[in-house]
């Protein structure tokens, strides 16, 4: 298989922003916008609603800009 490009891609992740944070952020949005208020009649209905939400979310998504000014985080 000589000459083939590698099948991996390295993506820079800022020090204070792991991919897991982005997953947690998405599930938080999903819970707040769909799951807490939803009434679902079956697992299929729930799955369909989640897939529709993901399609709508992806269509209207905007980049998230990470900001960190170097100061320690404080409790609200």
PDB file of N, CA and C in Angstrom:
ATOM      1  N   UNK A   1       0.803  -1.189   0.000  1.00  0.00           N
ATOM      2  CA  UNK A   1       0.000   0.000   0.000  1.00  0.00           C
ATOM      3  C   UNK A   1       0.855   1.265   0.000  1.00  0.00           C
ATOM      4  N   UNK A   2       2.030   1.172  -0.522  1.00  0.00           N
ATOM      5  CA  UNK A   2       2.932   2.325  -0.545  1.00  0.00           C
ATOM      6  C   UNK A   2       2.337   3.434  -1.402  1.00  0.00           C
ATOM      7  N   UNK A   3       2.593   4.686  -0.975  1.00  0.00           N
ATOM      8  CA  UNK A   3       2.129   5.813  -1.765  1.00  0.00           C
ATOM      9  C   UNK A   3       0.748   6.326  -1.386  1.00  0.00           C
ATOM     10  N   UNK A   4       0.037   5.590  -0.538  1.00  0.00           N
ATOM     11  CA  UNK A   4      -1.295   6.056  -0.136  1.00  0.00           C
ATOM     12  C   UNK A   4      -1.159   7.090   0.981  1.00  0.00           C
ATOM     13  N   UNK A   5      -1.999   8.115   0.966  1.00  0.00           N
ATOM     14  CA  UNK A   5      -1.957   9.089   2.053  1.00  0.00           C
ATOM     15  C   UNK A   5      -2.454   8.462   3.361  1.00  0.00           C
ATOM     16  N   UNK A   6      -2.006   8.961   4.490  1.00  0.00           N
ATOM     17  CA  UNK A   6      -2.462   8.390   5.763  1.00  0.00           C
ATOM     18  C   UNK A   6      -3.966   8.586   5.943  1.00  0.00           C
ATOM     19  N   UNK A   7      -4.590   7.680   6.685  1.00  0.00           N
ATOM     20  CA  UNK A   7      -6.040   7.736   6.889  1.00  0.00           C
ATOM     21  C   UNK A   7      -6.411   8.496   8.152  1.00  0.00           C
ATOM     22  N   UNK A   8      -5.444   9.167   8.749  1.00  0.00           N
ATOM     23  CA  UNK A   8      -5.753   9.930   9.942  1.00  0.00           C
ATOM     24  C   UNK A   8      -5.603  11.415   9.649  1.00  0.00           C
ATOM     25  N   UNK A   9      -6.284  12.208  10.440  1.00  0.00           N
ATOM     26  CA  UNK A   9      -6.217  13.648  10.308  1.00  0.00           C
ATOM     27  C   UNK A   9      -6.063  14.239  11.702  1.00  0.00           C
ATOM     28  N   UNK A  10      -5.062  15.080  11.892  1.00  0.00           N
ATOM     29  CA  UNK A  10      -4.824  15.690  13.188  1.00  0.00           C
ATOM     30  C   UNK A  10      -5.527  17.038  13.216  1.00  0.00           C
ATOM     31  N   UNK A  11      -6.303  17.278  14.262  1.00  0.00           N
ATOM     32  CA  UNK A  11      -7.025  18.529  14.412  1.00  0.00           C
ATOM     33  C   UNK A  11      -6.564  19.209  15.687  1.00  0.00           C
ATOM     34  N   UNK A  12      -6.224  20.486  15.588  1.00  0.00           N
ATOM     35  CA  UNK A  12      -5.787  21.240  16.755  1.00  0.00           C
ATOM     36  C   UNK A  12      -6.978  21.485  17.670  1.00  0.00           C
ATOM     37  N   UNK A  13      -6.793  21.215  18.944  1.00  0.00           N
ATOM     38  CA  UNK A  13      -7.798  21.501  19.964  1.00  0.00           C
ATOM     39  C   UNK A  13      -7.176  22.445  20.977  1.00  0.00           C
ATOM     40  N   UNK A  14      -7.802  23.589  21.245  1.00  0.00           N
ATOM     41  CA  UNK A  14      -7.242  24.500  22.240  1.00  0.00           C
ATOM     42  C   UNK A  14      -7.048  23.810  23.584  1.00  0.00           C
ATOM     43  N   UNK A  15      -6.081  24.304  24.370  1.00  0.00           N
ATOM     44  CA  UNK A  15      -5.753  23.684  25.651  1.00  0.00           C
ATOM     45  C   UNK A  15      -6.960  23.531  26.564  1.00  0.00           C
ATOM     46  N   UNK A  16      -7.835  24.492  26.553  1.00  0.00           N
ATOM     47  CA  UNK A  16      -8.955  24.494  27.491  1.00  0.00           C
ATOM     48  C   UNK A  16     -10.261  24.062  26.828  1.00  0.00           C
ATOM     49  N   UNK A  17     -10.191  23.347  25.739  1.00  0.00           N
ATOM     50  CA  UNK A  17     -11.403  22.931  25.037  1.00  0.00           C
ATOM     51  C   UNK A  17     -11.201  21.558  24.424  1.00  0.00           C
ATOM     52  N   UNK A  18     -11.586  20.526  25.111  1.00  0.00           N
ATOM     53  CA  UNK A  18     -11.441  19.193  24.548  1.00  0.00           C
ATOM     54  C   UNK A  18     -12.683  18.831  23.738  1.00  0.00           C
ATOM     55  N   UNK A  19     -12.576  17.807  22.916  1.00  0.00           N
ATOM     56  CA  UNK A  19     -13.727  17.363  22.136  1.00  0.00           C
ATOM     57  C   UNK A  19     -14.847  16.894  23.054  1.00  0.00           C
ATOM     58  N   UNK A  20     -14.483  16.399  24.233  1.00  0.00           N
ATOM     59  CA  UNK A  20     -15.495  15.947  25.170  1.00  0.00           C
ATOM     60  C   UNK A  20     -16.347  17.112  25.663  1.00  0.00           C
ATOM     61  N   UNK A  21     -15.739  18.274  25.839  1.00  0.00           N
ATOM     62  CA  UNK A  21     -16.503  19.458  26.224  1.00  0.00           C
ATOM     63  C   UNK A  21     -17.563  19.772  25.173  1.00  0.00           C
ATOM     64  N   UNK A  22     -17.202  19.625  23.899  1.00  0.00           N
ATOM     65  CA  UNK A  22     -18.153  19.915  22.823  1.00  0.00           C
ATOM     66  C   UNK A  22     -19.301  18.911  22.831  1.00  0.00           C
ATOM     67  N   UNK A  23     -19.008  17.659  23.114  1.00  0.00           N
ATOM     68  CA  UNK A  23     -20.057  16.638  23.205  1.00  0.00           C
ATOM     69  C   UNK A  23     -20.987  16.954  24.370  1.00  0.00           C
ATOM     70  N   UNK A  24     -20.411  17.317  25.517  1.00  0.00           N
ATOM     71  CA  UNK A  24     -21.222  17.669  26.679  1.00  0.00           C
ATOM     72  C   UNK A  24     -22.083  18.886  26.387  1.00  0.00           C
ATOM     73  N   UNK A  25     -21.539  19.865  25.690  1.00  0.00           N
ATOM     74  CA  UNK A  25     -22.300  21.049  25.318  1.00  0.00           C
ATOM     75  C   UNK A  25     -23.486  20.679  24.431  1.00  0.00           C
ATOM     76  N   UNK A  26     -23.253  19.820  23.444  1.00  0.00           N
ATOM     77  CA  UNK A  26     -24.345  19.413  22.559  1.00  0.00           C
ATOM     78  C   UNK A  26     -25.445  18.685  23.327  1.00  0.00           C
ATOM     79  N   UNK A  27     -25.069  17.749  24.207  1.00  0.00           N
ATOM     80  CA  UNK A  27     -26.086  17.017  24.965  1.00  0.00           C
ATOM     81  C   UNK A  27     -26.834  17.933  25.924  1.00  0.00           C
ATOM     82  N   UNK A  28     -26.188  18.956  26.432  1.00  0.00           N
ATOM     83  CA  UNK A  28     -26.858  19.936  27.275  1.00  0.00           C
ATOM     84  C   UNK A  28     -27.918  20.689  26.470  1.00  0.00           C
ATOM     85  N   UNK A  29     -27.568  21.102  25.269  1.00  0.00           N
ATOM     86  CA  UNK A  29     -28.520  21.793  24.395  1.00  0.00           C
ATOM     87  C   UNK A  29     -29.677  20.869  24.040  1.00  0.00           C
ATOM     88  N   UNK A  30     -29.370  19.628  23.704  1.00  0.00           N
ATOM     89  CA  UNK A  30     -30.409  18.648  23.377  1.00  0.00           C
ATOM     90  C   UNK A  30     -31.380  18.473  24.546  1.00  0.00           C
ATOM     91  N   UNK A  31     -30.842  18.344  25.748  1.00  0.00           N
ATOM     92  CA  UNK A  31     -31.688  18.152  26.930  1.00  0.00           C
ATOM     93  C   UNK A  31     -32.559  19.373  27.186  1.00  0.00           C
ATOM     94  N   UNK A  32     -31.963  20.573  27.110  1.00  0.00           N
ATOM     95  CA  UNK A  32     -32.724  21.792  27.407  1.00  0.00           C
ATOM     96  C   UNK A  32     -33.770  22.098  26.363  1.00  0.00           C
ATOM     97  N   UNK A  33     -33.473  21.888  25.100  1.00  0.00           N
ATOM     98  CA  UNK A  33     -34.390  22.294  24.033  1.00  0.00           C
ATOM     99  C   UNK A  33     -35.409  21.227  23.643  1.00  0.00           C
ATOM    100  N   UNK A  34     -35.108  19.967  23.881  1.00  0.00           N
ATOM    101  CA  UNK A  34     -36.007  18.914  23.409  1.00  0.00           C
ATOM    102  C   UNK A  34     -36.484  17.989  24.517  1.00  0.00           C
ATOM    103  N   UNK A  35     -35.566  17.411  25.250  1.00  0.00           N
ATOM    104  CA  UNK A  35     -35.924  16.310  26.139  1.00  0.00           C
ATOM    105  C   UNK A  35     -36.710  16.749  27.372  1.00  0.00           C
ATOM    106  N   UNK A  36     -36.379  17.881  27.964  1.00  0.00           N
ATOM    107  CA  UNK A  36     -37.075  18.309  29.192  1.00  0.00           C
ATOM    108  C   UNK A  36     -38.529  18.652  28.960  1.00  0.00           C
ATOM    109  N   UNK A  37     -38.832  19.200  27.800  1.00  0.00           N
ATOM    110  CA  UNK A  37     -40.216  19.615  27.514  1.00  0.00           C
ATOM    111  C   UNK A  37     -40.991  18.586  26.703  1.00  0.00           C
ATOM    112  N   UNK A  38     -40.311  17.585  26.212  1.00  0.00           N
ATOM    113  CA  UNK A  38     -40.924  16.667  25.264  1.00  0.00           C
ATOM    114  C   UNK A  38     -41.855  15.648  25.883  1.00  0.00           C
ATOM    115  N   UNK A  39     -42.814  15.273  25.098  1.00  0.00           N
ATOM    116  CA  UNK A  39     -43.695  14.149  25.429  1.00  0.00           C
ATOM    117  C   UNK A  39     -43.563  13.167  24.276  1.00  0.00           C
ATOM    118  N   UNK A  40     -43.159  11.965  24.606  1.00  0.00           N
ATOM    119  CA  UNK A  40     -42.876  10.977  23.577  1.00  0.00           C
ATOM    120  C   UNK A  40     -43.733   9.744  23.819  1.00  0.00           C
ATOM    121  N   UNK A  41     -44.328   9.250  22.763  1.00  0.00           N
ATOM    122  CA  UNK A  41     -45.252   8.134  22.881  1.00  0.00           C
ATOM    123  C   UNK A  41     -44.575   6.769  22.786  1.00  0.00           C
ATOM    124  N   UNK A  42     -43.355   6.755  22.255  1.00  0.00           N
ATOM    125  CA  UNK A  42     -42.630   5.489  22.103  1.00  0.00           C
ATOM    126  C   UNK A  42     -41.150   5.781  21.906  1.00  0.00           C
ATOM    127  N   UNK A  43     -40.349   4.724  21.942  1.00  0.00           N
ATOM    128  CA  UNK A  43     -38.919   4.889  21.678  1.00  0.00           C
ATOM    129  C   UNK A  43     -38.686   5.346  20.246  1.00  0.00           C
ATOM    130  N   UNK A  44     -39.493   4.851  19.326  1.00  0.00           N
ATOM    131  CA  UNK A  44     -39.359   5.254  17.924  1.00  0.00           C
ATOM    132  C   UNK A  44     -39.675   6.734  17.772  1.00  0.00           C
ATOM    133  N   UNK A  45     -40.711   7.207  18.463  1.00  0.00           N
ATOM    134  CA  UNK A  45     -41.078   8.616  18.420  1.00  0.00           C
ATOM    135  C   UNK A  45     -39.941   9.479  18.978  1.00  0.00           C
ATOM    136  N   UNK A  46     -39.368   9.067  20.101  1.00  0.00           N
ATOM    137  CA  UNK A  46     -38.237   9.772  20.699  1.00  0.00           C
ATOM    138  C   UNK A  46     -37.054   9.799  19.733  1.00  0.00           C
ATOM    139  N   UNK A  47     -36.717   8.659  19.144  1.00  0.00           N
ATOM    140  CA  UNK A  47     -35.590   8.586  18.208  1.00  0.00           C
ATOM    141  C   UNK A  47     -35.827   9.501  17.007  1.00  0.00           C
ATOM    142  N   UNK A  48     -37.037   9.515  16.472  1.00  0.00           N
ATOM    143  CA  UNK A  48     -37.375  10.370  15.332  1.00  0.00           C
ATOM    144  C   UNK A  48     -37.223  11.849  15.706  1.00  0.00           C
ATOM    145  N   UNK A  49     -37.702  12.223  16.898  1.00  0.00           N
ATOM    146  CA  UNK A  49     -37.591  13.609  17.370  1.00  0.00           C
ATOM    147  C   UNK A  49     -36.121  14.020  17.532  1.00  0.00           C
ATOM    148  N   UNK A  50     -35.303  13.122  18.083  1.00  0.00           N
ATOM    149  CA  UNK A  50     -33.885  13.426  18.264  1.00  0.00           C
ATOM    150  C   UNK A  50     -33.199  13.596  16.915  1.00  0.00           C
ATOM    151  N   UNK A  51     -33.477  12.715  15.972  1.00  0.00           N
ATOM    152  CA  UNK A  51     -32.868  12.832  14.644  1.00  0.00           C
ATOM    153  C   UNK A  51     -33.310  14.111  13.940  1.00  0.00           C
ATOM    154  N   UNK A  52     -34.581  14.483  14.088  1.00  0.00           N
ATOM    155  CA  UNK A  52     -35.070  15.743  13.512  1.00  0.00           C
ATOM    156  C   UNK A  52     -34.383  16.936  14.171  1.00  0.00           C
ATOM    157  N   UNK A  53     -34.203  16.868  15.486  1.00  0.00           N
ATOM    158  CA  UNK A  53     -33.513  17.943  16.203  1.00  0.00           C
ATOM    159  C   UNK A  53     -32.079  18.087  15.695  1.00  0.00           C
ATOM    160  N   UNK A  54     -31.379  16.966  15.538  1.00  0.00           N
ATOM    161  CA  UNK A  54     -29.990  17.001  15.073  1.00  0.00           C
ATOM    162  C   UNK A  54     -29.919  17.602  13.668  1.00  0.00           C
ATOM    163  N   UNK A  55     -30.824  17.206  12.790  1.00  0.00           N
ATOM    164  CA  UNK A  55     -30.848  17.754  11.435  1.00  0.00           C
ATOM    165  C   UNK A  55     -31.063  19.262  11.473  1.00  0.00           C
ATOM    166  N   UNK A  56     -32.030  19.721  12.263  1.00  0.00           N
ATOM    167  CA  UNK A  56     -32.319  21.152  12.381  1.00  0.00           C
ATOM    168  C   UNK A  56     -31.134  21.883  13.006  1.00  0.00           C
ATOM    169  N   UNK A  57     -30.561  21.323  14.057  1.00  0.00           N
ATOM    170  CA  UNK A  57     -29.418  21.929  14.743  1.00  0.00           C
ATOM    171  C   UNK A  57     -28.229  22.071  13.792  1.00  0.00           C
ATOM    172  N   UNK A  58     -27.924  21.032  13.038  1.00  0.00           N
ATOM    173  CA  UNK A  58     -26.802  21.079  12.101  1.00  0.00           C
ATOM    174  C   UNK A  58     -27.032  22.099  10.991  1.00  0.00           C
ATOM    175  N   UNK A  59     -28.286  22.224  10.550  1.00  0.00           N
ATOM    176  CA  UNK A  59     -28.610  23.167   9.480  1.00  0.00           C
ATOM    177  C   UNK A  59     -28.419  24.613   9.944  1.00  0.00           C
ATOM    178  N   UNK A  60     -28.703  24.889  11.217  1.00  0.00           N
ATOM    179  CA  UNK A  60     -28.644  26.257  11.747  1.00  0.00           C
ATOM    180  C   UNK A  60     -27.437  26.492  12.662  1.00  0.00           C
ATOM    181  N   UNK A  61     -26.492  25.582  12.677  1.00  0.00           N
ATOM    182  CA  UNK A  61     -25.344  25.687  13.590  1.00  0.00           C
ATOM    183  C   UNK A  61     -24.441  26.861  13.224  1.00  0.00           C
ATOM    184  N   UNK A  62     -23.867  27.451  14.270  1.00  0.00           N
ATOM    185  CA  UNK A  62     -22.893  28.521  14.109  1.00  0.00           C
ATOM    186  C   UNK A  62     -21.643  28.107  14.870  1.00  0.00           C
ATOM    187  N   UNK A  63     -20.472  28.534  14.390  1.00  0.00           N
ATOM    188  CA  UNK A  63     -19.237  28.167  15.096  1.00  0.00           C
ATOM    189  C   UNK A  63     -19.245  28.705  16.529  1.00  0.00           C
ATOM    190  N   UNK A  64     -18.692  27.938  17.424  1.00  0.00           N
ATOM    191  CA  UNK A  64     -18.563  28.353  18.811  1.00  0.00           C
ATOM    192  C   UNK A  64     -17.155  28.894  19.003  1.00  0.00           C
ATOM    193  N   UNK A  65     -17.048  30.097  19.520  1.00  0.00           N
ATOM    194  CA  UNK A  65     -15.727  30.700  19.728  1.00  0.00           C
ATOM    195  C   UNK A  65     -15.320  30.540  21.180  1.00  0.00           C
ATOM    196  N   UNK A  66     -14.234  29.823  21.394  1.00  0.00           N
ATOM    197  CA  UNK A  66     -13.710  29.637  22.745  1.00  0.00           C
ATOM    198  C   UNK A  66     -12.971  30.893  23.154  1.00  0.00           C
ATOM    199  N   UNK A  67     -13.182  31.302  24.394  1.00  0.00           N
ATOM    200  CA  UNK A  67     -12.466  32.460  24.932  1.00  0.00           C
ATOM    201  C   UNK A  67     -11.870  32.086  26.275  1.00  0.00           C
ATOM    202  N   UNK A  68     -10.618  32.406  26.431  1.00  0.00           N
ATOM    203  CA  UNK A  68      -9.968  32.197  27.721  1.00  0.00           C
ATOM    204  C   UNK A  68      -8.899  33.259  27.862  1.00  0.00           C
ATOM    205  N   UNK A  69      -9.006  34.086  28.891  1.00  0.00           N
ATOM    206  CA  UNK A  69      -8.076  35.208  29.055  1.00  0.00           C
ATOM    207  C   UNK A  69      -6.941  34.905  30.040  1.00  0.00           C
ATOM    208  N   UNK A  70      -6.837  33.686  30.494  1.00  0.00           N
ATOM    209  CA  UNK A  70      -5.742  33.303  31.363  1.00  0.00           C
ATOM    210  C   UNK A  70      -6.042  33.410  32.854  1.00  0.00           C
ATOM    211  N   UNK A  71      -7.156  34.052  33.214  1.00  0.00           N
ATOM    212  CA  UNK A  71      -7.504  34.166  34.636  1.00  0.00           C
ATOM    213  C   UNK A  71      -8.146  32.862  35.106  1.00  0.00           C
ATOM    214  N   UNK A  72      -7.931  32.509  36.356  1.00  0.00           N
ATOM    215  CA  UNK A  72      -8.575  31.308  36.899  1.00  0.00           C
ATOM    216  C   UNK A  72     -10.102  31.458  36.885  1.00  0.00           C
ATOM    217  N   UNK A  73     -10.781  30.373  36.643  1.00  0.00           N
ATOM    218  CA  UNK A  73     -12.252  30.390  36.629  1.00  0.00           C
ATOM    219  C   UNK A  73     -12.752  30.550  38.058  1.00  0.00           C
ATOM    220  N   UNK A  74     -13.846  31.251  38.237  1.00  0.00           N
ATOM    221  CA  UNK A  74     -14.432  31.460  39.559  1.00  0.00           C
ATOM    222  C   UNK A  74     -15.845  30.937  39.585  1.00  0.00           C
ATOM    223  N   UNK A  75     -16.296  30.576  40.760  1.00  0.00           N
ATOM    224  CA  UNK A  75     -17.670  30.092  40.928  1.00  0.00           C
ATOM    225  C   UNK A  75     -18.631  31.272  40.802  1.00  0.00           C
ATOM    226  N   UNK A  76     -19.768  31.034  40.212  1.00  0.00           N
ATOM    227  CA  UNK A  76     -20.761  32.109  40.036  1.00  0.00           C
ATOM    228  C   UNK A  76     -21.459  32.452  41.319  1.00  0.00           C
TER     229      UNK A  76
END
